[in-house]
Amino acid sequence: MLTFLYCLDKNYNIQALVSISSILEKIDDKINIVFLHKEPDTIQNHRYISKIKNNRFINSIEFIQFNKSNINFPKLE
C-alpha cells in the first residue's frame, strides 16, 4: 500500500486535490494520504475532500498541523 505525503498551505489546496484525483483515476490498489498543512482545516473542510474521502481506493486520510517553531531550517528565515 502506498502513502502519499502532501506538504502545503492553503494556496495549494486545489492543486493537491487535483493531484489526488488524478492518482485515484490511475490506481487499482488502496492508498493512504497524509497532509502536513499549515492550516489543515482549510483543506479538511474543502467541498471536494468528501469526494476523495469516499473513493474506494482511499484507505486513510490524515491531516497534521505543521508547526515550524520546533524546527530549524539552516539558512532560511
PDB file of N, CA and C in Angstrom:
ATOM      1  N   MET A   1       0.839  -1.170   0.000  1.00  0.00           N
ATOM      2  CA  MET A   1       0.000   0.000   0.000  1.00  0.00           C
ATOM      3  C   MET A   1       0.890   1.242   0.000  1.00  0.00           C
ATOM      4  N   LEU A   2       0.584   2.164  -0.871  1.00  0.00           N
ATOM      5  CA  LEU A   2       1.355   3.393  -0.974  1.00  0.00           C
ATOM      6  C   LEU A   2       0.798   4.473  -0.051  1.00  0.00           C
ATOM      7  N   THR A   3       1.703   5.340   0.414  1.00  0.00           N
ATOM      8  CA  THR A   3       1.301   6.510   1.189  1.00  0.00           C
ATOM      9  C   THR A   3       1.834   7.739   0.483  1.00  0.00           C
ATOM     10  N   PHE A   4       0.960   8.708   0.264  1.00  0.00           N
ATOM     11  CA  PHE A   4       1.330   9.965  -0.381  1.00  0.00           C
ATOM     12  C   PHE A   4       1.303  11.064   0.665  1.00  0.00           C
ATOM     13  N   LEU A   5       2.404  11.808   0.745  1.00  0.00           N
ATOM     14  CA  LEU A   5       2.535  12.909   1.688  1.00  0.00           C
ATOM     15  C   LEU A   5       2.479  14.220   0.919  1.00  0.00           C
ATOM     16  N   TYR A   6       1.539  15.076   1.305  1.00  0.00           N
ATOM     17  CA  TYR A   6       1.408  16.403   0.722  1.00  0.00           C
ATOM     18  C   TYR A   6       1.751  17.427   1.791  1.00  0.00           C
ATOM     19  N   CYS A   7       2.736  18.277   1.509  1.00  0.00           N
ATOM     20  CA  CYS A   7       3.149  19.343   2.427  1.00  0.00           C
ATOM     21  C   CYS A   7       2.801  20.661   1.751  1.00  0.00           C
ATOM     22  N   LEU A   8       1.857  21.392   2.334  1.00  0.00           N
ATOM     23  CA  LEU A   8       1.358  22.572   1.651  1.00  0.00           C
ATOM     24  C   LEU A   8       0.699  23.558   2.609  1.00  0.00           C
ATOM     25  N   ASP A   9       0.319  24.704   2.027  1.00  0.00           N
ATOM     26  CA  ASP A   9      -0.512  25.658   2.737  1.00  0.00           C
ATOM     27  C   ASP A   9      -1.782  25.856   1.912  1.00  0.00           C
ATOM     28  N   LYS A  10      -2.658  26.734   2.384  1.00  0.00           N
ATOM     29  CA  LYS A  10      -3.978  26.868   1.752  1.00  0.00           C
ATOM     30  C   LYS A  10      -3.921  27.327   0.297  1.00  0.00           C
ATOM     31  N   ASN A  11      -2.817  27.926  -0.117  1.00  0.00           N
ATOM     32  CA  ASN A  11      -2.685  28.383  -1.508  1.00  0.00           C
ATOM     33  C   ASN A  11      -2.565  27.233  -2.501  1.00  0.00           C
ATOM     34  N   TYR A  12      -2.328  26.027  -2.008  1.00  0.00           N
ATOM     35  CA  TYR A  12      -2.144  24.867  -2.890  1.00  0.00           C
ATOM     36  C   TYR A  12      -3.167  23.765  -2.644  1.00  0.00           C
ATOM     37  N   ASN A  13      -4.255  24.082  -1.969  1.00  0.00           N
ATOM     38  CA  ASN A  13      -5.293  23.085  -1.702  1.00  0.00           C
ATOM     39  C   ASN A  13      -5.866  22.500  -2.988  1.00  0.00           C
ATOM     40  N   ILE A  14      -6.247  23.354  -3.913  1.00  0.00           N
ATOM     41  CA  ILE A  14      -6.854  22.885  -5.171  1.00  0.00           C
ATOM     42  C   ILE A  14      -5.883  21.993  -5.939  1.00  0.00           C
ATOM     43  N   GLN A  15      -4.632  22.413  -6.031  1.00  0.00           N
ATOM     44  CA  GLN A  15      -3.634  21.636  -6.768  1.00  0.00           C
ATOM     45  C   GLN A  15      -3.443  20.260  -6.135  1.00  0.00           C
ATOM     46  N   ALA A  16      -3.420  20.199  -4.818  1.00  0.00           N
ATOM     47  CA  ALA A  16      -3.266  18.910  -4.128  1.00  0.00           C
ATOM     48  C   ALA A  16      -4.463  18.010  -4.395  1.00  0.00           C
ATOM     49  N   LEU A  17      -5.668  18.572  -4.338  1.00  0.00           N
ATOM     50  CA  LEU A  17      -6.870  17.767  -4.578  1.00  0.00           C
ATOM     51  C   LEU A  17      -6.943  17.275  -6.019  1.00  0.00           C
ATOM     52  N   VAL A  18      -6.510  18.084  -6.962  1.00  0.00           N
ATOM     53  CA  VAL A  18      -6.457  17.653  -8.367  1.00  0.00           C
ATOM     54  C   VAL A  18      -5.431  16.532  -8.529  1.00  0.00           C
ATOM     55  N   SER A  19      -4.306  16.673  -7.876  1.00  0.00           N
ATOM     56  CA  SER A  19      -3.272  15.641  -7.923  1.00  0.00           C
ATOM     57  C   SER A  19      -3.795  14.314  -7.379  1.00  0.00           C
ATOM     58  N   ILE A  20      -4.467  14.360  -6.261  1.00  0.00           N
ATOM     59  CA  ILE A  20      -5.011  13.142  -5.655  1.00  0.00           C
ATOM     60  C   ILE A  20      -6.088  12.537  -6.553  1.00  0.00           C
ATOM     61  N   SER A  21      -6.934  13.375  -7.118  1.00  0.00           N
ATOM     62  CA  SER A  21      -7.969  12.868  -8.037  1.00  0.00           C
ATOM     63  C   SER A  21      -7.340  12.155  -9.220  1.00  0.00           C
ATOM     64  N   SER A  22      -6.276  12.707  -9.742  1.00  0.00           N
ATOM     65  CA  SER A  22      -5.570  12.088 -10.863  1.00  0.00           C
ATOM     66  C   SER A  22      -4.977  10.737 -10.458  1.00  0.00           C
ATOM     67  N   ILE A  23      -4.378  10.689  -9.290  1.00  0.00           N
ATOM     68  CA  ILE A  23      -3.822   9.420  -8.791  1.00  0.00           C
ATOM     69  C   ILE A  23      -4.932   8.377  -8.669  1.00  0.00           C
ATOM     70  N   LEU A  24      -6.066   8.787  -8.119  1.00  0.00           N
ATOM     71  CA  LEU A  24      -7.171   7.850  -7.901  1.00  0.00           C
ATOM     72  C   LEU A  24      -7.749   7.304  -9.205  1.00  0.00           C
ATOM     73  N   GLU A  25      -7.610   8.052 -10.286  1.00  0.00           N
ATOM     74  CA  GLU A  25      -8.085   7.573 -11.592  1.00  0.00           C
ATOM     75  C   GLU A  25      -7.171   6.507 -12.188  1.00  0.00           C
ATOM     76  N   LYS A  26      -5.924   6.462 -11.732  1.00  0.00           N
ATOM     77  CA  LYS A  26      -4.934   5.591 -12.358  1.00  0.00           C
ATOM     78  C   LYS A  26      -4.522   4.375 -11.532  1.00  0.00           C
ATOM     79  N   ILE A  27      -5.008   4.260 -10.308  1.00  0.00           N
ATOM     80  CA  ILE A  27      -4.558   3.166  -9.447  1.00  0.00           C
ATOM     81  C   ILE A  27      -5.606   2.066  -9.361  1.00  0.00           C
ATOM     82  N   ASP A  28      -5.164   0.935  -8.860  1.00  0.00           N
ATOM     83  CA  ASP A  28      -6.091  -0.173  -8.618  1.00  0.00           C
ATOM     84  C   ASP A  28      -5.793  -0.831  -7.274  1.00  0.00           C
ATOM     85  N   ASP A  29      -5.237  -0.049  -6.370  1.00  0.00           N
ATOM     86  CA  ASP A  29      -4.897  -0.512  -5.026  1.00  0.00           C
ATOM     87  C   ASP A  29      -5.213   0.604  -4.042  1.00  0.00           C
ATOM     88  N   LYS A  30      -5.436   0.254  -2.799  1.00  0.00           N
ATOM     89  CA  LYS A  30      -5.735   1.260  -1.779  1.00  0.00           C
ATOM     90  C   LYS A  30      -4.490   2.087  -1.456  1.00  0.00           C
ATOM     91  N   ILE A  31      -4.719   3.360  -1.096  1.00  0.00           N
ATOM     92  CA  ILE A  31      -3.632   4.264  -0.738  1.00  0.00           C
ATOM     93  C   ILE A  31      -3.964   5.012   0.553  1.00  0.00           C
ATOM     94  N   ASN A  32      -2.919   5.538   1.161  1.00  0.00           N
ATOM     95  CA  ASN A  32      -3.045   6.433   2.313  1.00  0.00           C
ATOM     96  C   ASN A  32      -2.596   7.814   1.863  1.00  0.00           C
ATOM     97  N   ILE A  33      -3.240   8.835   2.399  1.00  0.00           N
ATOM     98  CA  ILE A  33      -2.855  10.206   2.101  1.00  0.00           C
ATOM     99  C   ILE A  33      -2.633  10.929   3.419  1.00  0.00           C
ATOM    100  N   VAL A  34      -1.511  11.648   3.494  1.00  0.00           N
ATOM    101  CA  VAL A  34      -1.190  12.439   4.677  1.00  0.00           C
ATOM    102  C   VAL A  34      -0.977  13.880   4.225  1.00  0.00           C
ATOM    103  N   PHE A  35      -1.671  14.800   4.879  1.00  0.00           N
ATOM    104  CA  PHE A  35      -1.488  16.227   4.626  1.00  0.00           C
ATOM    105  C   PHE A  35      -0.734  16.831   5.803  1.00  0.00           C
ATOM    106  N   LEU A  36       0.436  17.368   5.537  1.00  0.00           N
ATOM    107  CA  LEU A  36       1.156  18.177   6.511  1.00  0.00           C
ATOM    108  C   LEU A  36       0.877  19.609   6.072  1.00  0.00           C
ATOM    109  N   HIS A  37       0.048  20.290   6.841  1.00  0.00           N
ATOM    110  CA  HIS A  37      -0.559  21.531   6.367  1.00  0.00           C
ATOM    111  C   HIS A  37      -0.451  22.627   7.410  1.00  0.00           C
ATOM    112  N   LYS A  38      -0.218  23.844   6.943  1.00  0.00           N
ATOM    113  CA  LYS A  38      -0.141  24.994   7.834  1.00  0.00           C
ATOM    114  C   LYS A  38      -1.500  25.283   8.474  1.00  0.00           C
ATOM    115  N   GLU A  39      -2.567  25.128   7.701  1.00  0.00           N
ATOM    116  CA  GLU A  39      -3.937  25.332   8.181  1.00  0.00           C
ATOM    117  C   GLU A  39      -4.799  24.157   7.706  1.00  0.00           C
ATOM    118  N   PRO A  40      -4.699  23.016   8.363  1.00  0.00           N
ATOM    119  CA  PRO A  40      -5.372  21.812   7.860  1.00  0.00           C
ATOM    120  C   PRO A  40      -6.888  21.934   7.726  1.00  0.00           C
ATOM    121  N   ASP A  41      -7.513  22.800   8.501  1.00  0.00           N
ATOM    122  CA  ASP A  41      -8.965  22.941   8.392  1.00  0.00           C
ATOM    123  C   ASP A  41      -9.387  23.505   7.038  1.00  0.00           C
ATOM    124  N   THR A  42      -8.492  24.236   6.348  1.00  0.00           N
ATOM    125  CA  THR A  42      -8.852  24.792   5.041  1.00  0.00           C
ATOM    126  C   THR A  42      -8.993  23.711   3.979  1.00  0.00           C
ATOM    127  N   ILE A  43      -8.280  22.626   4.124  1.00  0.00           N
ATOM    128  CA  ILE A  43      -8.423  21.522   3.165  1.00  0.00           C
ATOM    129  C   ILE A  43      -9.374  20.455   3.708  1.00  0.00           C
ATOM    130  N   GLN A  44      -9.380  20.288   5.010  1.00  0.00           N
ATOM    131  CA  GLN A  44     -10.253  19.298   5.641  1.00  0.00           C
ATOM    132  C   GLN A  44     -11.725  19.620   5.393  1.00  0.00           C
ATOM    133  N   ASN A  45     -12.049  20.897   5.289  1.00  0.00           N
ATOM    134  CA  ASN A  45     -13.426  21.339   5.081  1.00  0.00           C
ATOM    135  C   ASN A  45     -13.698  21.765   3.646  1.00  0.00           C
ATOM    136  N   HIS A  46     -12.770  21.485   2.752  1.00  0.00           N
ATOM    137  CA  HIS A  46     -12.953  21.859   1.341  1.00  0.00           C
ATOM    138  C   HIS A  46     -14.082  21.038   0.738  1.00  0.00           C
ATOM    139  N   ARG A  47     -14.814  21.641  -0.163  1.00  0.00           N
ATOM    140  CA  ARG A  47     -16.004  20.966  -0.726  1.00  0.00           C
ATOM    141  C   ARG A  47     -15.680  19.711  -1.527  1.00  0.00           C
ATOM    142  N   TYR A  48     -14.460  19.579  -2.055  1.00  0.00           N
ATOM    143  CA  TYR A  48     -14.108  18.403  -2.842  1.00  0.00           C
ATOM    144  C   TYR A  48     -13.497  17.267  -2.021  1.00  0.00           C
ATOM    145  N   ILE A  49     -13.147  17.527  -0.777  1.00  0.00           N
ATOM    146  CA  ILE A  49     -12.487  16.491   0.025  1.00  0.00           C
ATOM    147  C   ILE A  49     -13.412  15.289   0.259  1.00  0.00           C
ATOM    148  N   SER A  50     -14.709  15.518   0.344  1.00  0.00           N
ATOM    149  CA  SER A  50     -15.631  14.396   0.579  1.00  0.00           C
ATOM    150  C   SER A  50     -15.635  13.416  -0.597  1.00  0.00           C
ATOM    151  N   LYS A  51     -15.483  13.921  -1.809  1.00  0.00           N
ATOM    152  CA  LYS A  51     -15.404  13.035  -2.982  1.00  0.00           C
ATOM    153  C   LYS A  51     -14.174  12.140  -2.891  1.00  0.00           C
ATOM    154  N   ILE A  52     -13.085  12.711  -2.426  1.00  0.00           N
ATOM    155  CA  ILE A  52     -11.857  11.939  -2.283  1.00  0.00           C
ATOM    156  C   ILE A  52     -11.984  10.938  -1.140  1.00  0.00           C
ATOM    157  N   LYS A  53     -12.515  11.386  -0.009  1.00  0.00           N
ATOM    158  CA  LYS A  53     -12.671  10.501   1.156  1.00  0.00           C
ATOM    159  C   LYS A  53     -13.542   9.290   0.841  1.00  0.00           C
ATOM    160  N   ASN A  54     -14.522   9.465  -0.022  1.00  0.00           N
ATOM    161  CA  ASN A  54     -15.463   8.383  -0.334  1.00  0.00           C
ATOM    162  C   ASN A  54     -14.992   7.467  -1.459  1.00  0.00           C
ATOM    163  N   ASN A  55     -13.835   7.744  -2.007  1.00  0.00           N
ATOM    164  CA  ASN A  55     -13.315   6.913  -3.087  1.00  0.00           C
ATOM    165  C   ASN A  55     -12.940   5.529  -2.543  1.00  0.00           C
ATOM    166  N   ARG A  56     -13.220   4.511  -3.294  1.00  0.00           N
ATOM    167  CA  ARG A  56     -12.986   3.131  -2.834  1.00  0.00           C
ATOM    168  C   ARG A  56     -11.511   2.787  -2.666  1.00  0.00           C
ATOM    169  N   PHE A  57     -10.630   3.582  -3.267  1.00  0.00           N
ATOM    170  CA  PHE A  57      -9.199   3.303  -3.156  1.00  0.00           C
ATOM    171  C   PHE A  57      -8.518   4.042  -2.002  1.00  0.00           C
ATOM    172  N   ILE A  58      -9.270   4.801  -1.247  1.00  0.00           N
ATOM    173  CA  ILE A  58      -8.706   5.505  -0.094  1.00  0.00           C
ATOM    174  C   ILE A  58      -8.764   4.594   1.131  1.00  0.00           C
ATOM    175  N   ASN A  59      -7.618   4.300   1.674  1.00  0.00           N
ATOM    176  CA  ASN A  59      -7.555   3.544   2.920  1.00  0.00           C
ATOM    177  C   ASN A  59      -7.660   4.497   4.105  1.00  0.00           C
ATOM    178  N   SER A  60      -6.874   5.593   4.061  1.00  0.00           N
ATOM    179  CA  SER A  60      -6.936   6.581   5.137  1.00  0.00           C
ATOM    180  C   SER A  60      -6.471   7.938   4.639  1.00  0.00           C
ATOM    181  N   ILE A  61      -6.984   8.977   5.295  1.00  0.00           N
ATOM    182  CA  ILE A  61      -6.542  10.354   5.071  1.00  0.00           C
ATOM    183  C   ILE A  61      -6.255  10.944   6.439  1.00  0.00           C
ATOM    184  N   GLU A  62      -5.066  11.528   6.568  1.00  0.00           N
ATOM    185  CA  GLU A  62      -4.665  12.112   7.846  1.00  0.00           C
ATOM    186  C   GLU A  62      -4.278  13.572   7.623  1.00  0.00           C
ATOM    187  N   PHE A  63      -4.688  14.431   8.545  1.00  0.00           N
ATOM    188  CA  PHE A  63      -4.378  15.852   8.487  1.00  0.00           C
ATOM    189  C   PHE A  63      -3.512  16.205   9.688  1.00  0.00           C
ATOM    190  N   ILE A  64      -2.322  16.746   9.427  1.00  0.00           N
ATOM    191  CA  ILE A  64      -1.383  17.085  10.500  1.00  0.00           C
ATOM    192  C   ILE A  64      -1.080  18.577  10.430  1.00  0.00           C
ATOM    193  N   GLN A  65      -1.203  19.233  11.557  1.00  0.00           N
ATOM    194  CA  GLN A  65      -0.881  20.664  11.653  1.00  0.00           C
ATOM    195  C   GLN A  65       0.634  20.843  11.632  1.00  0.00           C
ATOM    196  N   PHE A  66       1.131  21.644  10.696  1.00  0.00           N
ATOM    197  CA  PHE A  66       2.563  21.934  10.633  1.00  0.00           C
ATOM    198  C   PHE A  66       2.888  23.034  11.626  1.00  0.00           C
ATOM    199  N   ASN A  67       3.886  22.787  12.455  1.00  0.00           N
ATOM    200  CA  ASN A  67       4.325  23.760  13.447  1.00  0.00           C
ATOM    201  C   ASN A  67       5.832  23.942  13.287  1.00  0.00           C
ATOM    202  N   LYS A  68       6.227  25.058  12.698  1.00  0.00           N
ATOM    203  CA  LYS A  68       7.647  25.269  12.423  1.00  0.00           C
ATOM    204  C   LYS A  68       8.436  25.771  13.623  1.00  0.00           C
ATOM    205  N   SER A  69       7.799  26.016  14.740  1.00  0.00           N
ATOM    206  CA  SER A  69       8.517  26.560  15.894  1.00  0.00           C
ATOM    207  C   SER A  69       9.536  25.577  16.475  1.00  0.00           C
ATOM    208  N   ASN A  70       9.347  24.293  16.236  1.00  0.00           N
ATOM    209  CA  ASN A  70      10.268  23.285  16.756  1.00  0.00           C
ATOM    210  C   ASN A  70      11.311  22.846  15.744  1.00  0.00           C
ATOM    211  N   ILE A  71      11.325  23.485  14.583  1.00  0.00           N
ATOM    212  CA  ILE A  71      12.200  23.052  13.501  1.00  0.00           C
ATOM    213  C   ILE A  71      13.168  24.175  13.141  1.00  0.00           C
ATOM    214  N   ASN A  72      14.404  23.810  12.907  1.00  0.00           N
ATOM    215  CA  ASN A  72      15.412  24.774  12.498  1.00  0.00           C
ATOM    216  C   ASN A  72      15.812  24.466  11.062  1.00  0.00           C
ATOM    217  N   PHE A  73      15.470  25.358  10.150  1.00  0.00           N
ATOM    218  CA  PHE A  73      15.877  25.219   8.760  1.00  0.00           C
ATOM    219  C   PHE A  73      17.124  26.076   8.557  1.00  0.00           C
ATOM    220  N   PRO A  74      18.279  25.475   8.369  1.00  0.00           N
ATOM    221  CA  PRO A  74      19.515  26.252   8.192  1.00  0.00           C
ATOM    222  C   PRO A  74      19.426  27.220   7.018  1.00  0.00           C
ATOM    223  N   LYS A  75      19.866  28.429   7.239  1.00  0.00           N
ATOM    224  CA  LYS A  75      19.938  29.476   6.221  1.00  0.00           C
ATOM    225  C   LYS A  75      18.589  29.869   5.646  1.00  0.00           C
ATOM    226  N   LEU A  76      17.507  29.593   6.361  1.00  0.00           N
ATOM    227  CA  LEU A  76      16.172  30.011   5.920  1.00  0.00           C
ATOM    228  C   LEU A  76      15.512  30.827   7.019  1.00  0.00           C
ATOM    229  N   GLU A  77      14.846  31.867   6.613  1.00  0.00           N
ATOM    230  CA  GLU A  77      14.119  32.712   7.567  1.00  0.00           C
ATOM    231  C   GLU A  77      12.710  32.193   7.735  1.00  0.00           C
TER     232      GLU A  77
END
